[in-house]
């Protein structure tokens, strides 16, 4: 696709799109592999529950605190890409330093977990802030859907490599960060300086009514989904759940791309409401048929679709929309907390929390709270500009009208051609009759 045509369709240049996708996908895939590395180390060492809680706790707190406080660092660099270059270079060095760590000791692994969490938290909001600043609102979700699909594919490919030992894992992590660093260094696009007047405070973001109306449903969904997934282990084997999660991830990747285009066409609000309705139906069926295989596969299908749409909206798109051309780093820092907390809850306390709720009530509980989560969305504003939606609806209507007009014109041309062919045949037949009649007349007259 020519560069100008790509710019017209995506709203940004091809170079900026590649850098955006590379930054976000590289960061999240790196953290996914870090989480897998920590889980593998915990399983092999056989730490006590209190130690496991500490390992995941310092990781979550490190990300959360660094994300909230780290956004102030970017104002020293004036440009986000300058900060991100140093951040990615530090990631290569930090990944290689894992070689010197003895992960069989709980103390060492706790320190490593905290360091990796702090590192990821420092750069993640700036990474997403650059993504929001470089994309237009009307095209942000579709690029986000493609990015999430690549995150899923990258995480799957790195997962197939496996985690053989700490040296191998460190080299994989460092190499992966180096790939992103090379892409950013050679394709570094032009970027405007960060305008100090566009900075927003956390108080302003939290007091923003629109932010809260999207943030509350996102919180409820992540926590409820975490508890429900933990409750499923009571009915199905771990191997079966892992296989179904793999299928769900494939569905989520496909749904993210389709949902991204859908969100850029009809709006984010409609997509999120539809996703909550699908999930509520899925949990309701699990509540009526706990442990039923057909019910579980139906839930896997709708959960995969909803996850792809929700990650595209809540992790990548809507916080940049709500910033309204202002600095969006603080919106993304706050918006990522529910997702991070749900992961911490699932990895450390999920089984204990779900055990406190009766097995037959877990899914009914989830379905009820998902219904409550929809209520704030009813009052939430649409973050996609109304003019954009109307223009696209009008454009779609005009295209359909042109297609219908072309069909009618084609049909009329076919009818006209058929009539002309019939007239020619009739003329030929009448000419032959006339000549025969003329010959007969000459015999007698």
Protein backbone atom coordinates (compact mmCIF):
# COMPACT_ATOMS: atom_id res chain seq x y z
CA UNK A 1 0.00 0.00 0.00
CA UNK A 2 1.48 3.42 -0.94
CA UNK A 3 2.43 5.66 1.97
CA UNK A 4 -0.19 8.32 1.14
CA UNK A 5 -2.98 5.73 0.89
CA UNK A 6 -1.88 4.20 4.20
CA UNK A 7 -1.87 7.65 5.82
CA UNK A 8 -5.37 8.38 4.53
CA UNK A 9 -6.73 5.10 5.92
CA UNK A 10 -4.85 4.90 9.22
CA UNK A 11 -4.60 8.61 9.98
CA UNK A 12 -0.81 8.40 10.58
CA UNK A 13 2.25 7.66 8.50
CA UNK A 14 3.48 4.12 8.06
CA UNK A 15 6.68 4.88 10.01
CA UNK A 16 4.74 6.19 13.03
CA UNK A 17 2.37 3.21 12.91
CA UNK A 18 5.29 0.74 12.93
CA UNK A 19 6.97 2.56 15.83
CA UNK A 20 3.72 2.64 17.79
CA UNK A 21 3.04 -1.06 17.32
CA UNK A 22 6.67 -1.97 18.03
CA UNK A 23 6.79 0.05 21.27
CA UNK A 24 3.55 -1.25 22.76
CA UNK A 25 3.82 -4.85 21.56
CA UNK A 26 7.48 -5.17 22.54
CA UNK A 27 6.82 -3.87 26.06
CA UNK A 28 3.80 -6.08 26.82
CA UNK A 29 5.31 -9.21 25.30
CA UNK A 30 8.45 -8.61 27.36
CA UNK A 31 6.39 -8.39 30.54
CA UNK A 32 4.41 -11.49 29.60
CA UNK A 33 7.65 -13.45 29.32
CA UNK A 34 8.82 -11.96 32.64
CA UNK A 35 5.63 -13.23 34.30
CA UNK A 36 6.18 -16.68 32.79
CA UNK A 37 9.78 -16.61 34.02
CA UNK A 38 8.68 -15.76 37.57
CA UNK A 39 5.99 -18.46 37.57
CA UNK A 40 8.49 -21.05 36.37
CA UNK A 41 11.00 -20.04 39.06
CA UNK A 42 8.32 -20.22 41.76
CA UNK A 43 7.17 -23.69 40.65
CA UNK A 44 10.68 -25.10 40.48
CA UNK A 45 11.74 -23.71 43.86
CA UNK A 46 8.51 -24.69 45.65
CA UNK A 47 8.28 -21.57 47.80
CA UNK A 48 5.82 -21.22 50.67
CA UNK A 49 2.53 -19.39 50.08
CA UNK A 50 3.73 -16.35 52.03
CA UNK A 51 6.83 -16.12 49.85
CA UNK A 52 4.78 -16.46 46.66
CA UNK A 53 2.50 -13.68 47.90
CA UNK A 54 5.52 -11.49 48.55
CA UNK A 55 7.04 -12.18 45.12
CA UNK A 56 3.90 -11.20 43.23
CA UNK A 57 3.03 -8.43 45.70
CA UNK A 58 6.28 -6.49 45.21
CA UNK A 59 5.95 -6.94 41.45
CA UNK A 60 2.46 -5.45 41.39
CA UNK A 61 3.33 -2.66 43.83
CA UNK A 62 6.49 -1.90 41.86
CA UNK A 63 4.51 -1.49 38.63
CA UNK A 64 1.74 0.54 40.27
CA UNK A 65 3.99 2.95 42.19
CA UNK A 66 6.44 3.39 39.30
CA UNK A 67 3.60 3.98 36.84
CA UNK A 68 1.99 6.63 39.04
CA UNK A 69 5.21 8.43 39.95
CA UNK A 70 7.23 7.74 36.81
CA UNK A 71 5.10 9.93 34.54
CA UNK A 72 6.80 12.98 36.03
CA UNK A 73 10.13 11.88 34.54
CA UNK A 74 9.13 12.46 30.93
CA UNK A 75 8.89 16.22 31.45
CA UNK A 76 12.65 16.27 31.96
CA UNK A 77 13.19 14.77 28.49
CA UNK A 78 10.76 17.09 26.62
CA UNK A 79 10.15 14.32 24.07
CA UNK A 80 8.66 10.91 24.83
CA UNK A 81 10.80 9.02 22.31
CA UNK A 82 14.01 10.25 23.95
CA UNK A 83 12.84 8.84 27.28
CA UNK A 84 11.71 5.58 25.67
CA UNK A 85 15.12 5.06 24.01
CA UNK A 86 16.84 5.17 27.39
CA UNK A 87 14.07 3.03 28.91
CA UNK A 88 14.47 0.27 26.33
CA UNK A 89 18.26 0.34 26.62
CA UNK A 90 17.88 -0.05 30.40
CA UNK A 91 15.59 -3.02 29.70
CA UNK A 92 18.33 -4.79 27.75
CA UNK A 93 20.81 -4.28 30.61
CA UNK A 94 18.30 -5.30 33.29
CA UNK A 95 17.38 -8.46 31.38
CA UNK A 96 21.03 -9.50 31.06
CA UNK A 97 21.62 -8.87 34.77
CA UNK A 98 19.26 -11.76 35.59
CA UNK A 99 22.16 -14.10 34.80
CA UNK A 100 23.77 -13.13 38.10
CA UNK A 101 20.69 -13.94 40.21
CA UNK A 102 20.01 -17.16 42.10
CA UNK A 103 16.26 -17.57 41.59
CA UNK A 104 16.14 -20.60 43.90
CA UNK A 105 16.41 -18.18 46.85
CA UNK A 106 13.21 -16.39 47.80
CA UNK A 107 15.03 -13.19 48.79
CA UNK A 108 16.80 -12.91 45.42
CA UNK A 109 13.60 -13.61 43.49
CA UNK A 110 11.69 -11.00 45.51
CA UNK A 111 14.34 -8.38 44.64
CA UNK A 112 14.27 -9.41 40.97
CA UNK A 113 10.46 -9.32 40.87
CA UNK A 114 10.41 -5.83 42.39
CA UNK A 115 13.08 -4.53 39.98
CA UNK A 116 11.31 -5.92 36.92
CA UNK A 117 8.00 -4.46 38.09
CA UNK A 118 9.46 -1.02 38.75
CA UNK A 119 11.15 -1.03 35.35
CA UNK A 120 7.96 -1.93 33.47
CA UNK A 121 5.91 0.60 35.42
CA UNK A 122 8.32 3.45 34.70
CA UNK A 123 7.95 3.22 30.94
CA UNK A 124 4.52 1.78 30.32
CA UNK A 125 2.47 5.03 30.75
CA UNK A 126 4.91 6.99 28.57
CA UNK A 127 4.77 4.26 25.94
CA UNK A 128 0.97 4.47 25.87
CA UNK A 129 1.09 8.27 26.05
CA UNK A 130 3.18 8.37 22.88
CA UNK A 131 0.72 5.98 21.25
CA UNK A 132 -2.19 8.29 22.09
CA UNK A 133 -0.33 11.44 21.01
CA UNK A 134 0.69 9.91 17.66
CA UNK A 135 -2.75 8.56 16.73
CA UNK A 136 -6.02 10.26 15.96
CA UNK A 137 -9.14 9.47 17.97
CA UNK A 138 -11.07 8.24 14.94
CA UNK A 139 -8.36 5.68 14.04
CA UNK A 140 -6.92 4.78 17.45
CA UNK A 141 -8.93 1.61 18.15
CA UNK A 142 -8.22 -0.16 14.86
CA UNK A 143 -4.46 0.28 15.29
CA UNK A 144 -4.89 -0.88 18.89
CA UNK A 145 -6.65 -4.04 17.72
CA UNK A 146 -3.81 -4.88 15.36
CA UNK A 147 -1.32 -4.19 18.17
CA UNK A 148 -3.09 -6.54 20.56
CA UNK A 149 -3.20 -9.26 17.91
CA UNK A 150 0.57 -8.96 17.50
CA UNK A 151 0.99 -9.02 21.30
CA UNK A 152 -0.91 -12.31 21.40
CA UNK A 153 1.10 -13.81 18.55
CA UNK A 154 4.41 -12.66 20.03
CA UNK A 155 3.54 -13.99 23.48
CA UNK A 156 2.54 -17.32 21.97
CA UNK A 157 5.75 -17.61 19.94
CA UNK A 158 7.95 -16.76 22.91
CA UNK A 159 5.92 -19.18 25.01
CA UNK A 160 6.71 -22.02 22.60
CA UNK A 161 10.43 -21.37 23.11
CA UNK A 162 10.02 -22.20 26.77
CA UNK A 163 12.04 -21.24 29.81
CA UNK A 164 14.89 -23.73 30.08
CA UNK A 165 17.16 -21.88 32.51
CA UNK A 166 17.86 -18.40 33.76
CA UNK A 167 20.69 -17.73 31.28
CA UNK A 168 18.53 -18.68 28.32
CA UNK A 169 15.61 -16.61 29.66
CA UNK A 170 17.83 -13.58 30.24
CA UNK A 171 19.15 -13.74 26.68
CA UNK A 172 15.61 -14.04 25.29
CA UNK A 173 14.41 -11.03 27.31
CA UNK A 174 17.46 -8.93 26.41
CA UNK A 175 17.26 -9.88 22.74
CA UNK A 176 13.57 -9.06 22.57
CA UNK A 177 14.11 -5.62 24.11
CA UNK A 178 17.04 -5.07 21.74
CA UNK A 179 14.78 -5.74 18.73
CA UNK A 180 12.40 -3.01 19.87
CA UNK A 181 15.32 -0.67 20.56
CA UNK A 182 16.73 -1.15 17.04
CA UNK A 183 13.33 -0.49 15.44
CA UNK A 184 12.87 2.68 17.48
CA UNK A 185 16.44 3.90 16.83
CA UNK A 186 16.35 3.49 13.04
CA UNK A 187 12.71 4.50 12.45
CA UNK A 188 12.62 7.28 15.03
CA UNK A 189 9.99 9.63 13.60
CA UNK A 190 9.64 13.34 14.22
CA UNK A 191 7.88 14.22 17.45
CA UNK A 192 6.63 17.46 18.95
CA UNK A 193 7.90 18.56 22.32
CA UNK A 194 5.65 17.85 25.30
CA UNK A 195 3.61 20.96 25.99
CA UNK A 196 3.72 21.80 29.70
CA UNK A 197 0.31 23.46 29.38
CA UNK A 198 -1.25 20.13 28.40
CA UNK A 199 -0.25 18.40 31.62
CA UNK A 200 -3.08 17.13 33.83
CA UNK A 201 -3.06 16.19 37.51
CA UNK A 202 -4.20 12.90 38.99
CA UNK A 203 -6.84 14.81 40.90
CA UNK A 204 -8.22 16.19 37.66
CA UNK A 205 -8.27 12.72 36.05
CA UNK A 206 -9.96 11.00 39.01
CA UNK A 207 -12.55 13.76 39.34
CA UNK A 208 -13.38 13.45 35.65
CA UNK A 209 -16.90 12.01 35.51
CA UNK A 210 -16.34 10.38 32.12
CA UNK A 211 -13.17 8.69 33.39
CA UNK A 212 -15.00 7.19 36.38
CA UNK A 213 -17.91 5.96 34.26
CA UNK A 214 -15.47 3.86 32.21
CA UNK A 215 -13.05 3.05 35.05
CA UNK A 216 -15.63 1.49 37.40
CA UNK A 217 -16.94 -1.11 34.87
CA UNK A 218 -13.35 -1.95 33.94
CA UNK A 219 -12.52 -2.58 37.62
CA UNK A 220 -15.57 -4.78 38.13
CA UNK A 221 -14.91 -6.80 35.00
CA UNK A 222 -11.24 -7.56 35.75
CA UNK A 223 -11.92 -8.64 39.35
CA UNK A 224 -15.02 -10.69 38.53
CA UNK A 225 -13.30 -12.41 35.61
CA UNK A 226 -10.33 -13.28 37.81
CA UNK A 227 -12.53 -14.89 40.48
CA UNK A 228 -14.61 -16.78 37.94
CA UNK A 229 -11.54 -18.20 36.18
CA UNK A 230 -10.18 -19.34 39.54
CA UNK A 231 -13.53 -20.95 40.31
CA UNK A 232 -13.45 -22.97 37.09
CA UNK A 233 -10.53 -25.00 38.46
CA UNK A 234 -13.06 -26.67 40.77
CA UNK A 235 -14.84 -28.24 37.79
CA UNK A 236 -12.15 -28.80 35.13
CA UNK A 237 -8.57 -30.03 35.08
CA UNK A 238 -5.65 -27.60 34.76
CA UNK A 239 -4.66 -29.08 31.37
CA UNK A 240 -8.19 -28.62 30.00
CA UNK A 241 -8.34 -25.02 31.23
CA UNK A 242 -4.93 -24.23 29.67
CA UNK A 243 -6.09 -25.58 26.30
CA UNK A 244 -9.31 -23.60 26.43
CA UNK A 245 -7.39 -20.45 27.38
CA UNK A 246 -5.18 -20.98 24.34
CA UNK A 247 -8.29 -21.11 22.12
CA UNK A 248 -9.70 -18.09 23.93
CA UNK A 249 -6.52 -16.11 23.24
CA UNK A 250 -6.83 -16.84 19.51
CA UNK A 251 -10.44 -15.63 19.58
CA UNK A 252 -9.39 -12.54 21.54
CA UNK A 253 -6.77 -11.64 18.93
CA UNK A 254 -9.28 -11.92 16.09
CA UNK A 255 -11.92 -10.07 18.10
CA UNK A 256 -9.46 -7.25 18.89
CA UNK A 257 -8.92 -6.48 15.20
CA UNK A 258 -12.62 -6.68 14.30
CA UNK A 259 -13.61 -4.83 17.46
CA UNK A 260 -11.06 -2.10 16.78
CA UNK A 261 -12.57 -1.33 13.38
CA UNK A 262 -16.06 -1.57 14.87
CA UNK A 263 -15.14 0.83 17.70
CA UNK A 264 -13.77 3.37 15.22
CA UNK A 265 -16.97 3.16 13.18
CA UNK A 266 -19.87 3.08 15.67
CA UNK A 267 -18.13 4.08 18.91
CA UNK A 268 -16.48 2.62 22.00
CA UNK A 269 -19.57 2.68 24.22
CA UNK A 270 -21.65 0.36 22.04
CA UNK A 271 -18.83 -2.14 21.82
CA UNK A 272 -18.28 -2.25 25.59
CA UNK A 273 -21.99 -2.62 26.36
CA UNK A 274 -22.24 -5.46 23.84
CA UNK A 275 -19.19 -7.10 25.40
CA UNK A 276 -20.66 -6.95 28.91
CA UNK A 277 -23.97 -8.35 27.65
CA UNK A 278 -22.16 -11.29 26.02
CA UNK A 279 -20.13 -11.99 29.15
CA UNK A 280 -23.19 -11.78 31.37
CA UNK A 281 -24.90 -14.36 29.19
CA UNK A 282 -21.84 -16.61 29.31
CA UNK A 283 -21.60 -16.48 33.11
CA UNK A 284 -25.35 -17.03 33.45
CA UNK A 285 -25.08 -20.25 31.42
CA UNK A 286 -22.16 -21.41 33.58
CA UNK A 287 -24.27 -20.66 36.64
CA UNK A 288 -27.17 -22.77 35.37
CA UNK A 289 -24.89 -25.54 34.07
CA UNK A 290 -21.79 -25.63 36.32
CA UNK A 291 -19.24 -28.15 35.12
CA UNK A 292 -21.11 -28.67 31.83
CA UNK A 293 -18.74 -29.02 28.87
CA UNK A 294 -21.05 -27.31 26.34
CA UNK A 295 -21.61 -24.40 28.69
CA UNK A 296 -17.87 -24.03 29.21
CA UNK A 297 -17.13 -23.94 25.47
CA UNK A 298 -19.85 -21.34 24.95
CA UNK A 299 -18.33 -19.26 27.73
CA UNK A 300 -14.84 -19.66 26.20
CA UNK A 301 -16.19 -18.32 22.90
CA UNK A 302 -17.93 -15.23 24.34
CA UNK A 303 -15.13 -14.55 26.84
CA UNK A 304 -12.54 -14.57 24.05
CA UNK A 305 -14.59 -12.13 22.00
CA UNK A 306 -15.17 -9.85 24.99
CA UNK A 307 -11.53 -9.91 26.11
CA UNK A 308 -10.28 -8.88 22.68
CA UNK A 309 -12.72 -5.97 22.58
CA UNK A 310 -12.11 -4.90 26.19
CA UNK A 311 -8.32 -4.93 25.97
CA UNK A 312 -8.48 -2.86 22.79
CA UNK A 313 -10.83 -0.36 24.44
CA UNK A 314 -9.72 -0.23 28.07
CA UNK A 315 -5.96 -0.79 27.81
CA UNK A 316 -5.17 0.96 24.53
CA UNK A 317 -7.92 3.30 23.36
CA UNK A 318 -10.36 4.95 25.74
CA UNK A 319 -7.89 6.63 28.14
CA UNK A 320 -6.25 8.39 25.21
CA UNK A 321 -9.70 9.50 24.04
CA UNK A 322 -10.62 10.89 27.46
CA UNK A 323 -7.42 12.94 27.64
CA UNK A 324 -8.78 15.13 24.79
CA UNK A 325 -5.42 16.09 23.23
CA UNK A 326 -3.87 16.58 26.69
CA UNK A 327 -1.08 14.45 28.16
CA UNK A 328 -2.61 11.01 28.62
CA UNK A 329 0.13 9.27 30.66
CA UNK A 330 -1.74 9.65 33.95
CA UNK A 331 -4.95 8.35 32.44
CA UNK A 332 -3.13 5.24 31.20
CA UNK A 333 -1.33 4.80 34.55
CA UNK A 334 -4.65 4.77 36.41
CA UNK A 335 -6.46 2.75 33.73
CA UNK A 336 -3.90 -0.06 33.88
CA UNK A 337 -4.23 -0.62 37.64
CA UNK A 338 -7.37 -2.83 37.55
CA UNK A 339 -5.79 -5.15 34.99
CA UNK A 340 -2.57 -5.41 36.98
CA UNK A 341 -4.41 -5.96 40.25
CA UNK A 342 -6.55 -8.73 38.75
CA UNK A 343 -3.38 -10.49 37.55
CA UNK A 344 -1.88 -10.21 41.03
CA UNK A 345 -5.10 -11.53 42.56
CA UNK A 346 -5.23 -14.44 40.13
CA UNK A 347 -1.60 -15.44 40.57
CA UNK A 348 -1.45 -15.11 44.35
CA UNK A 349 -4.87 -15.14 46.05
CA UNK A 350 -7.32 -16.20 43.35
CA UNK A 351 -7.79 -19.77 44.56
CA UNK A 352 -8.25 -18.66 48.19
CA UNK A 353 -10.77 -15.95 47.36
CA UNK A 354 -12.82 -18.18 45.04
CA UNK A 355 -12.75 -20.93 47.69
CA UNK A 356 -14.55 -18.55 50.05
CA UNK A 357 -17.53 -18.42 47.66
CA UNK A 358 -19.71 -21.54 47.18
CA UNK A 359 -18.98 -23.24 43.86
CA UNK A 360 -22.56 -22.98 42.62
CA UNK A 361 -22.65 -19.24 43.41
CA UNK A 362 -19.42 -18.13 41.72
CA UNK A 363 -20.90 -17.71 38.25
CA UNK A 364 -24.19 -16.24 39.43
CA UNK A 365 -22.15 -13.77 41.46
CA UNK A 366 -20.12 -12.90 38.35
CA UNK A 367 -23.21 -12.50 36.16
CA UNK A 368 -24.89 -10.19 38.70
CA UNK A 369 -21.89 -7.90 39.08
CA UNK A 370 -21.37 -7.71 35.33
CA UNK A 371 -24.97 -6.52 35.07
CA UNK A 372 -24.17 -3.81 37.64
CA UNK A 373 -21.06 -2.89 35.66
CA UNK A 374 -23.18 -1.97 32.64
CA UNK A 375 -25.10 0.69 34.58
CA UNK A 376 -22.27 3.29 34.63
CA UNK A 377 -21.78 2.72 30.90
CA UNK A 378 -25.39 3.77 30.29
CA UNK A 379 -24.45 7.25 31.51
CA UNK A 380 -20.95 7.28 30.04
CA UNK A 381 -20.36 9.59 27.07
CA UNK A 382 -19.20 8.29 23.73
CA UNK A 383 -15.50 9.12 23.34
CA UNK A 384 -15.52 8.83 19.55
CA UNK A 385 -16.54 12.27 18.18
CA UNK A 386 -20.17 12.38 17.08
CA UNK A 387 -19.20 14.16 13.87
CA UNK A 388 -16.87 11.27 12.99
CA UNK A 389 -19.62 8.69 13.52
CA UNK A 390 -22.12 10.69 11.45
CA UNK A 391 -19.60 11.25 8.65
CA UNK A 392 -18.79 7.54 8.53
CA UNK A 393 -22.45 6.55 8.65
CA UNK A 394 -23.16 9.01 5.83
CA UNK A 395 -20.19 7.68 3.86
CA UNK A 396 -21.41 4.11 4.38
CA UNK A 397 -24.92 5.10 3.28
CA UNK A 398 -23.57 6.83 0.16
CA UNK A 399 -21.43 3.79 -0.72
CA UNK A 400 -24.43 1.48 -0.32
CA UNK A 401 -26.59 3.83 -2.39
CA UNK A 402 -23.92 3.94 -5.11
CA UNK A 403 -23.73 0.14 -5.10
CA UNK A 404 -27.51 -0.14 -5.41
CA UNK A 405 -27.53 2.47 -8.19
CA UNK A 406 -24.79 0.58 -10.01
CA UNK A 407 -26.80 -2.65 -9.73
CA UNK A 408 -29.93 -0.94 -11.08
CA UNK A 409 -27.96 0.65 -13.93
CA UNK A 410 -26.36 -2.67 -14.79
CA UNK A 411 -29.74 -4.36 -14.79
CA UNK A 412 -31.21 -1.66 -17.05
CA UNK A 413 -28.26 -2.02 -19.44
CA UNK A 414 -28.77 -5.79 -19.54
CA UNK A 415 -32.51 -5.33 -20.24
CA UNK A 416 -31.77 -2.77 -22.98
CA UNK A 417 -29.21 -5.09 -24.54
CA UNK A 418 -31.68 -7.99 -24.43
CA UNK A 419 -34.40 -5.86 -26.09
CA UNK A 420 -31.99 -4.81 -28.84
CA UNK A 421 -31.01 -8.42 -29.48
CA UNK A 422 -34.71 -9.43 -29.70
CA UNK A 423 -35.40 -6.58 -32.12
CA UNK A 424 -32.50 -7.66 -34.35
CA UNK A 425 -33.77 -11.24 -34.42
CA UNK A 426 -37.28 -10.05 -35.27
CA UNK A 427 -35.94 -7.84 -38.02
CA UNK A 428 -33.95 -10.72 -39.52
CA UNK A 429 -37.00 -13.00 -39.47
CA UNK A 430 -39.24 -10.35 -41.11
CA UNK A 431 -36.64 -9.69 -43.83
CA UNK A 432 -36.51 -13.39 -44.77
CA UNK A 433 -40.32 -13.58 -44.96
CA UNK A 434 -40.40 -10.49 -47.16
CA UNK A 435 -37.87 -11.92 -49.63
CA UNK A 436 -39.76 -15.24 -49.90
CA UNK A 437 -43.04 -13.43 -50.47
CA UNK A 438 -41.42 -11.31 -53.18
CA UNK A 439 -40.19 -14.42 -55.03
CA UNK A 440 -43.66 -16.00 -54.92
CA UNK A 441 -45.20 -12.81 -56.25
CA UNK A 442 -42.81 -12.72 -59.21
CA UNK A 443 -43.98 -16.20 -60.30
CA UNK A 444 -47.58 -15.18 -60.68
CA UNK A 445 -47.40 -11.53 -61.52
